[in-house]
């Protein structure tokens, strides 16, 4: 299992994608060649995020900061 698949696997199990994990994914996708397993894992993660089964810490932080600005 490669780093991309490992990061995705942890996010799927926990239901949460941290800012750090998201940055690691971004770096891995930009800087390395990856195979079909990693591509499919990433697509699965995207689907889970879109369907609300995995939460993104970055979006939660953004929403939180917007609420504190308007309050």
PDB file of N, CA and C in Angstrom:
ATOM      1  N   UNK A   1       0.851  -1.175   0.000  1.00  0.00           N
ATOM      2  CA  UNK A   1       0.000   0.000   0.000  1.00  0.00           C
ATOM      3  C   UNK A   1       0.895   1.237   0.000  1.00  0.00           C
ATOM      4  N   UNK A   2       0.582   2.172  -0.850  1.00  0.00           N
ATOM      5  CA  UNK A   2       1.394   3.375  -0.956  1.00  0.00           C
ATOM      6  C   UNK A   2       0.874   4.465  -0.021  1.00  0.00           C
ATOM      7  N   UNK A   3       1.597   5.570   0.044  1.00  0.00           N
ATOM      8  CA  UNK A   3       1.238   6.647   0.959  1.00  0.00           C
ATOM      9  C   UNK A   3      -0.148   7.219   0.654  1.00  0.00           C
ATOM     10  N   UNK A   4      -0.470   7.409  -0.606  1.00  0.00           N
ATOM     11  CA  UNK A   4      -1.782   7.955  -0.962  1.00  0.00           C
ATOM     12  C   UNK A   4      -2.885   7.033  -0.454  1.00  0.00           C
ATOM     13  N   UNK A   5      -2.772   5.756  -0.727  1.00  0.00           N
ATOM     14  CA  UNK A   5      -3.777   4.795  -0.279  1.00  0.00           C
ATOM     15  C   UNK A   5      -3.842   4.724   1.236  1.00  0.00           C
ATOM     16  N   UNK A   6      -2.718   4.859   1.895  1.00  0.00           N
ATOM     17  CA  UNK A   6      -2.676   4.839   3.357  1.00  0.00           C
ATOM     18  C   UNK A   6      -3.402   6.044   3.935  1.00  0.00           C
ATOM     19  N   UNK A   7      -3.133   7.219   3.407  1.00  0.00           N
ATOM     20  CA  UNK A   7      -3.793   8.443   3.868  1.00  0.00           C
ATOM     21  C   UNK A   7      -5.296   8.341   3.646  1.00  0.00           C
ATOM     22  N   UNK A   8      -5.685   7.896   2.480  1.00  0.00           N
ATOM     23  CA  UNK A   8      -7.102   7.751   2.156  1.00  0.00           C
ATOM     24  C   UNK A   8      -7.742   6.729   3.089  1.00  0.00           C
ATOM     25  N   UNK A   9      -7.070   5.621   3.312  1.00  0.00           N
ATOM     26  CA  UNK A   9      -7.606   4.582   4.184  1.00  0.00           C
ATOM     27  C   UNK A   9      -7.880   5.101   5.586  1.00  0.00           C
ATOM     28  N   UNK A  10      -6.958   5.881   6.123  1.00  0.00           N
ATOM     29  CA  UNK A  10      -7.141   6.448   7.462  1.00  0.00           C
ATOM     30  C   UNK A  10      -8.336   7.401   7.490  1.00  0.00           C
ATOM     31  N   UNK A  11      -8.491   8.204   6.461  1.00  0.00           N
ATOM     32  CA  UNK A  11      -9.611   9.139   6.395  1.00  0.00           C
ATOM     33  C   UNK A  11     -10.937   8.390   6.290  1.00  0.00           C
ATOM     34  N   UNK A  12     -10.966   7.321   5.521  1.00  0.00           N
ATOM     35  CA  UNK A  12     -12.195   6.555   5.373  1.00  0.00           C
ATOM     36  C   UNK A  12     -12.579   5.865   6.673  1.00  0.00           C
ATOM     37  N   UNK A  13     -11.601   5.347   7.388  1.00  0.00           N
ATOM     38  CA  UNK A  13     -11.872   4.667   8.653  1.00  0.00           C
ATOM     39  C   UNK A  13     -12.349   5.656   9.715  1.00  0.00           C
ATOM     40  N   UNK A  14     -11.669   6.797   9.788  1.00  0.00           N
ATOM     41  CA  UNK A  14     -12.005   7.778  10.828  1.00  0.00           C
ATOM     42  C   UNK A  14     -13.194   8.659  10.443  1.00  0.00           C
ATOM     43  N   UNK A  15     -13.452   8.762   9.142  1.00  0.00           N
ATOM     44  CA  UNK A  15     -14.519   9.655   8.684  1.00  0.00           C
ATOM     45  C   UNK A  15     -14.105  11.108   8.705  1.00  0.00           C
ATOM     46  N   UNK A  16     -12.798  11.351   8.749  1.00  0.00           N
ATOM     47  CA  UNK A  16     -12.289  12.713   8.914  1.00  0.00           C
ATOM     48  C   UNK A  16     -10.979  12.876   8.164  1.00  0.00           C
ATOM     49  N   UNK A  17     -10.883  13.934   7.372  1.00  0.00           N
ATOM     50  CA  UNK A  17      -9.659  14.253   6.637  1.00  0.00           C
ATOM     51  C   UNK A  17      -9.048  15.507   7.249  1.00  0.00           C
ATOM     52  N   UNK A  18      -7.903  15.347   7.893  1.00  0.00           N
ATOM     53  CA  UNK A  18      -7.260  16.481   8.544  1.00  0.00           C
ATOM     54  C   UNK A  18      -6.598  17.391   7.518  1.00  0.00           C
ATOM     55  N   UNK A  19      -6.295  18.592   7.953  1.00  0.00           N
ATOM     56  CA  UNK A  19      -5.583  19.541   7.089  1.00  0.00           C
ATOM     57  C   UNK A  19      -4.225  18.957   6.699  1.00  0.00           C
ATOM     58  N   UNK A  20      -3.554  18.335   7.660  1.00  0.00           N
ATOM     59  CA  UNK A  20      -2.234  17.747   7.393  1.00  0.00           C
ATOM     60  C   UNK A  20      -2.324  16.632   6.347  1.00  0.00           C
ATOM     61  N   UNK A  21      -3.321  15.767   6.498  1.00  0.00           N
ATOM     62  CA  UNK A  21      -3.492  14.671   5.544  1.00  0.00           C
ATOM     63  C   UNK A  21      -3.839  15.205   4.158  1.00  0.00           C
ATOM     64  N   UNK A  22      -4.660  16.246   4.122  1.00  0.00           N
ATOM     65  CA  UNK A  22      -5.018  16.851   2.842  1.00  0.00           C
ATOM     66  C   UNK A  22      -3.784  17.429   2.155  1.00  0.00           C
ATOM     67  N   UNK A  23      -2.911  18.057   2.922  1.00  0.00           N
ATOM     68  CA  UNK A  23      -1.674  18.608   2.358  1.00  0.00           C
ATOM     69  C   UNK A  23      -0.757  17.491   1.868  1.00  0.00           C
ATOM     70  N   UNK A  24      -0.670  16.407   2.643  1.00  0.00           N
ATOM     71  CA  UNK A  24       0.138  15.262   2.211  1.00  0.00           C
ATOM     72  C   UNK A  24      -0.397  14.690   0.895  1.00  0.00           C
ATOM     73  N   UNK A  25      -1.697  14.576   0.797  1.00  0.00           N
ATOM     74  CA  UNK A  25      -2.296  14.085  -0.453  1.00  0.00           C
ATOM     75  C   UNK A  25      -1.960  14.999  -1.618  1.00  0.00           C
ATOM     76  N   UNK A  26      -2.104  16.286  -1.394  1.00  0.00           N
ATOM     77  CA  UNK A  26      -1.805  17.269  -2.439  1.00  0.00           C
ATOM     78  C   UNK A  26      -0.354  17.115  -2.921  1.00  0.00           C
ATOM     79  N   UNK A  27       0.567  17.002  -1.976  1.00  0.00           N
ATOM     80  CA  UNK A  27       1.983  16.854  -2.339  1.00  0.00           C
ATOM     81  C   UNK A  27       2.230  15.557  -3.095  1.00  0.00           C
ATOM     82  N   UNK A  28       1.650  14.465  -2.610  1.00  0.00           N
ATOM     83  CA  UNK A  28       1.850  13.173  -3.265  1.00  0.00           C
ATOM     84  C   UNK A  28       1.271  13.155  -4.674  1.00  0.00           C
ATOM     85  N   UNK A  29       0.114  13.757  -4.841  1.00  0.00           N
ATOM     86  CA  UNK A  29      -0.510  13.765  -6.161  1.00  0.00           C
ATOM     87  C   UNK A  29       0.253  14.636  -7.144  1.00  0.00           C
ATOM     88  N   UNK A  30       0.909  15.681  -6.655  1.00  0.00           N
ATOM     89  CA  UNK A  30       1.666  16.579  -7.531  1.00  0.00           C
ATOM     90  C   UNK A  30       3.079  16.080  -7.817  1.00  0.00           C
ATOM     91  N   UNK A  31       3.696  15.426  -6.855  1.00  0.00           N
ATOM     92  CA  UNK A  31       5.127  15.161  -6.953  1.00  0.00           C
ATOM     93  C   UNK A  31       5.491  13.723  -7.287  1.00  0.00           C
ATOM     94  N   UNK A  32       4.551  12.819  -7.250  1.00  0.00           N
ATOM     95  CA  UNK A  32       4.898  11.431  -7.489  1.00  0.00           C
ATOM     96  C   UNK A  32       4.038  10.848  -8.597  1.00  0.00           C
ATOM     97  N   UNK A  33       4.565   9.803  -9.176  1.00  0.00           N
ATOM     98  CA  UNK A  33       3.749   9.029 -10.110  1.00  0.00           C
ATOM     99  C   UNK A  33       3.021   8.002  -9.266  1.00  0.00           C
ATOM    100  N   UNK A  34       1.763   7.830  -9.540  1.00  0.00           N
ATOM    101  CA  UNK A  34       0.978   6.905  -8.744  1.00  0.00           C
ATOM    102  C   UNK A  34       0.217   5.967  -9.664  1.00  0.00           C
ATOM    103  N   UNK A  35      -0.139   4.849  -9.114  1.00  0.00           N
ATOM    104  CA  UNK A  35      -0.799   3.824  -9.902  1.00  0.00           C
ATOM    105  C   UNK A  35      -2.305   3.857  -9.768  1.00  0.00           C
ATOM    106  N   UNK A  36      -2.917   2.872 -10.361  1.00  0.00           N
ATOM    107  CA  UNK A  36      -4.366   2.765 -10.389  1.00  0.00           C
ATOM    108  C   UNK A  36      -4.947   2.648  -8.980  1.00  0.00           C
ATOM    109  N   UNK A  37      -4.264   1.906  -8.098  1.00  0.00           N
ATOM    110  CA  UNK A  37      -4.755   1.740  -6.722  1.00  0.00           C
ATOM    111  C   UNK A  37      -4.882   3.095  -6.023  1.00  0.00           C
ATOM    112  N   UNK A  38      -3.874   3.938  -6.176  1.00  0.00           N
ATOM    113  CA  UNK A  38      -3.912   5.259  -5.562  1.00  0.00           C
ATOM    114  C   UNK A  38      -4.979   6.145  -6.197  1.00  0.00           C
ATOM    115  N   UNK A  39      -5.081   6.086  -7.501  1.00  0.00           N
ATOM    116  CA  UNK A  39      -6.087   6.877  -8.204  1.00  0.00           C
ATOM    117  C   UNK A  39      -7.486   6.492  -7.742  1.00  0.00           C
ATOM    118  N   UNK A  40      -7.757   5.193  -7.682  1.00  0.00           N
ATOM    119  CA  UNK A  40      -9.061   4.722  -7.249  1.00  0.00           C
ATOM    120  C   UNK A  40      -9.332   5.086  -5.789  1.00  0.00           C
ATOM    121  N   UNK A  41      -8.303   5.016  -4.942  1.00  0.00           N
ATOM    122  CA  UNK A  41      -8.452   5.403  -3.533  1.00  0.00           C
ATOM    123  C   UNK A  41      -8.818   6.875  -3.434  1.00  0.00           C
ATOM    124  N   UNK A  42      -8.154   7.711  -4.206  1.00  0.00           N
ATOM    125  CA  UNK A  42      -8.424   9.147  -4.175  1.00  0.00           C
ATOM    126  C   UNK A  42      -9.841   9.448  -4.653  1.00  0.00           C
ATOM    127  N   UNK A  43     -10.274   8.782  -5.702  1.00  0.00           N
ATOM    128  CA  UNK A  43     -11.636   8.961  -6.212  1.00  0.00           C
ATOM    129  C   UNK A  43     -12.651   8.518  -5.161  1.00  0.00           C
ATOM    130  N   UNK A  44     -12.376   7.425  -4.485  1.00  0.00           N
ATOM    131  CA  UNK A  44     -13.259   6.961  -3.414  1.00  0.00           C
ATOM    132  C   UNK A  44     -13.354   8.007  -2.316  1.00  0.00           C
ATOM    133  N   UNK A  45     -12.223   8.586  -1.937  1.00  0.00           N
ATOM    134  CA  UNK A  45     -12.219   9.632  -0.911  1.00  0.00           C
ATOM    135  C   UNK A  45     -13.055  10.824  -1.357  1.00  0.00           C
ATOM    136  N   UNK A  46     -12.877  11.245  -2.587  1.00  0.00           N
ATOM    137  CA  UNK A  46     -13.652  12.376  -3.107  1.00  0.00           C
ATOM    138  C   UNK A  46     -15.152  12.088  -3.035  1.00  0.00           C
ATOM    139  N   UNK A  47     -15.539  10.893  -3.398  1.00  0.00           N
ATOM    140  CA  UNK A  47     -16.940  10.500  -3.357  1.00  0.00           C
ATOM    141  C   UNK A  47     -17.464  10.529  -1.925  1.00  0.00           C
ATOM    142  N   UNK A  48     -16.690   9.990  -1.006  1.00  0.00           N
ATOM    143  CA  UNK A  48     -17.107   9.955   0.392  1.00  0.00           C
ATOM    144  C   UNK A  48     -17.242  11.363   0.973  1.00  0.00           C
ATOM    145  N   UNK A  49     -16.363  12.257   0.579  1.00  0.00           N
ATOM    146  CA  UNK A  49     -16.444  13.653   1.035  1.00  0.00           C
ATOM    147  C   UNK A  49     -17.698  14.304   0.451  1.00  0.00           C
ATOM    148  N   UNK A  50     -17.916  14.129  -0.835  1.00  0.00           N
ATOM    149  CA  UNK A  50     -19.078  14.739  -1.483  1.00  0.00           C
ATOM    150  C   UNK A  50     -20.391  14.226  -0.899  1.00  0.00           C
ATOM    151  N   UNK A  51     -20.414  12.964  -0.499  1.00  0.00           N
ATOM    152  CA  UNK A  51     -21.637  12.375   0.051  1.00  0.00           C
ATOM    153  C   UNK A  51     -21.753  12.578   1.563  1.00  0.00           C
ATOM    154  N   UNK A  52     -20.766  13.255   2.154  1.00  0.00           N
ATOM    155  CA  UNK A  52     -20.842  13.613   3.561  1.00  0.00           C
ATOM    156  C   UNK A  52     -20.416  12.551   4.549  1.00  0.00           C
ATOM    157  N   UNK A  53     -19.831  11.474   4.079  1.00  0.00           N
ATOM    158  CA  UNK A  53     -19.389  10.424   4.990  1.00  0.00           C
ATOM    159  C   UNK A  53     -17.995  10.669   5.539  1.00  0.00           C
ATOM    160  N   UNK A  54     -17.251  11.551   4.890  1.00  0.00           N
ATOM    161  CA  UNK A  54     -15.938  11.981   5.389  1.00  0.00           C
ATOM    162  C   UNK A  54     -15.971  13.503   5.472  1.00  0.00           C
ATOM    163  N   UNK A  55     -15.629  14.011   6.630  1.00  0.00           N
ATOM    164  CA  UNK A  55     -15.596  15.463   6.860  1.00  0.00           C
ATOM    165  C   UNK A  55     -14.183  15.981   6.608  1.00  0.00           C
ATOM    166  N   UNK A  56     -14.100  17.214   6.110  1.00  0.00           N
ATOM    167  CA  UNK A  56     -12.814  17.859   5.878  1.00  0.00           C
ATOM    168  C   UNK A  56     -12.573  18.901   6.961  1.00  0.00           C
ATOM    169  N   UNK A  57     -11.475  18.742   7.680  1.00  0.00           N
ATOM    170  CA  UNK A  57     -11.125  19.690   8.726  1.00  0.00           C
ATOM    171  C   UNK A  57     -10.989  21.093   8.156  1.00  0.00           C
ATOM    172  N   UNK A  58     -10.431  21.228   6.979  1.00  0.00           N
ATOM    173  CA  UNK A  58     -10.227  22.551   6.374  1.00  0.00           C
ATOM    174  C   UNK A  58     -11.554  23.286   6.184  1.00  0.00           C
ATOM    175  N   UNK A  59     -12.576  22.577   5.748  1.00  0.00           N
ATOM    176  CA  UNK A  59     -13.886  23.210   5.557  1.00  0.00           C
ATOM    177  C   UNK A  59     -14.519  23.574   6.892  1.00  0.00           C
ATOM    178  N   UNK A  60     -14.337  22.722   7.891  1.00  0.00           N
ATOM    179  CA  UNK A  60     -14.874  23.025   9.215  1.00  0.00           C
ATOM    180  C   UNK A  60     -14.204  24.265   9.805  1.00  0.00           C
ATOM    181  N   UNK A  61     -12.901  24.385   9.611  1.00  0.00           N
ATOM    182  CA  UNK A  61     -12.173  25.555  10.104  1.00  0.00           C
ATOM    183  C   UNK A  61     -12.623  26.819   9.373  1.00  0.00           C
ATOM    184  N   UNK A  62     -12.842  26.704   8.075  1.00  0.00           N
ATOM    185  CA  UNK A  62     -13.303  27.845   7.281  1.00  0.00           C
ATOM    186  C   UNK A  62     -14.691  28.301   7.754  1.00  0.00           C
ATOM    187  N   UNK A  63     -15.581  27.351   7.931  1.00  0.00           N
ATOM    188  CA  UNK A  63     -16.929  27.683   8.416  1.00  0.00           C
ATOM    189  C   UNK A  63     -16.873  28.314   9.797  1.00  0.00           C
ATOM    190  N   UNK A  64     -16.021  27.793  10.637  1.00  0.00           N
ATOM    191  CA  UNK A  64     -15.876  28.299  12.000  1.00  0.00           C
ATOM    192  C   UNK A  64     -15.369  29.743  11.995  1.00  0.00           C
ATOM    193  N   UNK A  65     -14.389  30.016  11.136  1.00  0.00           N
ATOM    194  CA  UNK A  65     -13.835  31.369  11.083  1.00  0.00           C
ATOM    195  C   UNK A  65     -14.846  32.364  10.489  1.00  0.00           C
ATOM    196  N   UNK A  66     -15.658  31.916   9.563  1.00  0.00           N
ATOM    197  CA  UNK A  66     -16.702  32.772   8.998  1.00  0.00           C
ATOM    198  C   UNK A  66     -17.760  33.096  10.044  1.00  0.00           C
ATOM    199  N   UNK A  67     -18.108  32.129  10.874  1.00  0.00           N
ATOM    200  CA  UNK A  67     -19.114  32.356  11.915  1.00  0.00           C
ATOM    201  C   UNK A  67     -18.588  33.336  12.960  1.00  0.00           C
ATOM    202  N   UNK A  68     -17.319  33.229  13.304  1.00  0.00           N
ATOM    203  CA  UNK A  68     -16.779  34.127  14.322  1.00  0.00           C
ATOM    204  C   UNK A  68     -16.611  35.551  13.795  1.00  0.00           C
ATOM    205  N   UNK A  69     -16.439  35.718  12.492  1.00  0.00           N
ATOM    206  CA  UNK A  69     -16.323  37.039  11.903  1.00  0.00           C
ATOM    207  C   UNK A  69     -17.677  37.730  11.876  1.00  0.00           C
ATOM    208  N   UNK A  70     -18.719  36.971  11.569  1.00  0.00           N
ATOM    209  CA  UNK A  70     -20.052  37.572  11.475  1.00  0.00           C
ATOM    210  C   UNK A  70     -20.723  37.738  12.831  1.00  0.00           C
ATOM    211  N   UNK A  71     -20.210  37.079  13.846  1.00  0.00           N
ATOM    212  CA  UNK A  71     -20.834  37.163  15.173  1.00  0.00           C
ATOM    213  C   UNK A  71     -20.482  38.416  15.918  1.00  0.00           C
TER     214      UNK A  71
END
